[in-house]
Amino acid sequence: MAYEEWGPLAGLVGTWESDWSGLDVAFHNDKKGKDRRDALSREDDLQALGPVANGDQNLYGLDYRTAAYKKGEDNPFHTEVGYWMWTRCTTR
């Protein structure tokens, strides 16, 4: 499917995974409150939505779901859902 109407969001449609090492600044009982560096992974699922009528505008967007994990753990420490919207600006 072509996503021309999604403008700069078009290239983001799909599922993305990444691994990185990050500094965890949350309190840790096992480390007596010290920060620690953890290996992390993240999955982002971005699905196209639209067009959505908004008066004389047609909006196009991405519905996204994000989950971030510490390596070796099954439950995410952060999740997020939301959407990003796009419309082409035209002059009349």
Protein backbone atom coordinates (compact mmCIF):
# COMPACT_ATOMS: atom_id res chain seq x y z
CA MET A 1 0.00 0.00 0.00
CA ALA A 2 1.30 3.48 -0.89
CA TYR A 3 1.09 6.12 1.83
CA GLU A 4 1.63 9.36 -0.13
CA GLU A 5 -1.11 11.16 1.80
CA TRP A 6 0.73 10.54 5.09
CA GLY A 7 3.52 12.98 4.12
CA PRO A 8 6.59 12.71 6.37
CA LEU A 9 4.91 10.01 8.49
CA ALA A 10 4.71 7.55 5.57
CA GLY A 11 8.16 6.05 6.10
CA LEU A 12 7.40 5.21 9.73
CA VAL A 13 4.52 2.78 9.06
CA GLY A 14 5.39 -0.66 10.43
CA THR A 15 6.96 -2.36 13.43
CA TRP A 16 10.37 -1.22 14.63
CA GLU A 17 12.65 -2.87 17.17
CA SER A 18 15.87 -1.60 18.74
CA ASP A 19 18.40 -2.51 21.42
CA TRP A 20 20.53 -0.06 23.37
CA SER A 21 22.22 0.52 26.71
CA GLY A 22 20.63 3.21 28.83
CA LEU A 23 21.04 4.83 32.20
CA ASP A 24 18.19 3.90 34.54
CA VAL A 25 17.74 6.78 36.97
CA ALA A 26 14.90 5.20 38.93
CA PHE A 27 15.39 4.24 42.58
CA HIS A 28 16.58 0.64 43.06
CA ASN A 29 16.23 -1.15 46.37
CA ASP A 30 18.76 -3.77 45.28
CA LYS A 31 21.39 -1.07 44.57
CA LYS A 32 20.70 1.06 47.66
CA GLY A 33 19.20 3.80 45.55
CA LYS A 34 22.06 4.05 43.04
CA ASP A 35 21.49 4.62 39.34
CA ARG A 36 22.53 1.80 37.04
CA ARG A 37 23.17 1.15 33.36
CA ASP A 38 20.89 -1.46 31.80
CA ALA A 39 20.63 -3.16 28.43
CA LEU A 40 17.26 -2.17 27.01
CA SER A 41 15.05 -3.02 24.05
CA ARG A 42 12.08 -1.24 22.53
CA GLU A 43 9.31 -2.12 20.12
CA ASP A 44 7.25 0.50 18.28
CA ASP A 45 4.21 -0.47 16.22
CA LEU A 46 2.94 2.34 13.97
CA GLN A 47 -0.20 1.76 11.89
CA ALA A 48 -1.68 4.13 9.34
CA LEU A 49 -5.06 5.69 10.09
CA GLY A 50 -7.19 8.02 8.04
CA PRO A 51 -8.39 9.92 6.32
CA VAL A 52 -10.18 11.59 9.20
CA ALA A 53 -12.51 14.42 8.17
CA ASN A 54 -12.01 17.63 10.15
CA GLY A 55 -14.16 20.28 8.51
CA ASP A 56 -12.63 20.81 5.07
CA GLN A 57 -9.41 19.04 6.08
CA ASN A 58 -8.53 15.39 5.62
CA LEU A 59 -6.13 14.28 8.34
CA TYR A 60 -3.87 11.25 8.05
CA GLY A 61 -2.02 9.76 10.95
CA LEU A 62 -0.26 6.97 12.72
CA ASP A 63 -1.71 5.07 15.64
CA TYR A 64 1.30 3.99 17.69
CA ARG A 65 2.04 1.60 20.53
CA THR A 66 5.44 1.55 22.24
CA ALA A 67 6.89 -0.84 24.81
CA ALA A 68 10.37 -0.64 26.39
CA TYR A 69 11.95 -3.58 28.20
CA LYS A 70 15.01 -4.32 30.29
CA LYS A 71 16.87 -7.18 28.60
CA GLY A 72 15.80 -10.53 29.97
CA GLU A 73 12.50 -9.26 31.40
CA ASP A 74 9.11 -10.18 29.95
CA ASN A 75 7.16 -7.19 31.28
CA PRO A 76 7.83 -3.70 29.92
CA PHE A 77 8.93 -0.95 32.28
CA HIS A 78 7.35 1.67 29.98
CA THR A 79 4.39 1.56 27.60
CA GLU A 80 2.78 4.33 25.61
CA VAL A 81 -0.08 4.66 23.13
CA GLY A 82 -1.03 7.63 21.02
CA TYR A 83 -1.25 9.06 17.55
CA TRP A 84 0.54 11.50 15.28
CA MET A 85 -1.54 13.42 12.72
CA TRP A 86 -0.62 15.04 9.39
CA THR A 87 -2.44 17.27 6.93
CA ARG A 88 -1.16 18.96 3.81
CA CYS A 89 -1.35 22.74 3.97
CA THR A 90 -2.84 24.17 0.82
CA THR A 91 -3.71 27.70 -0.19
CA ARG A 92 -7.11 28.49 -1.63
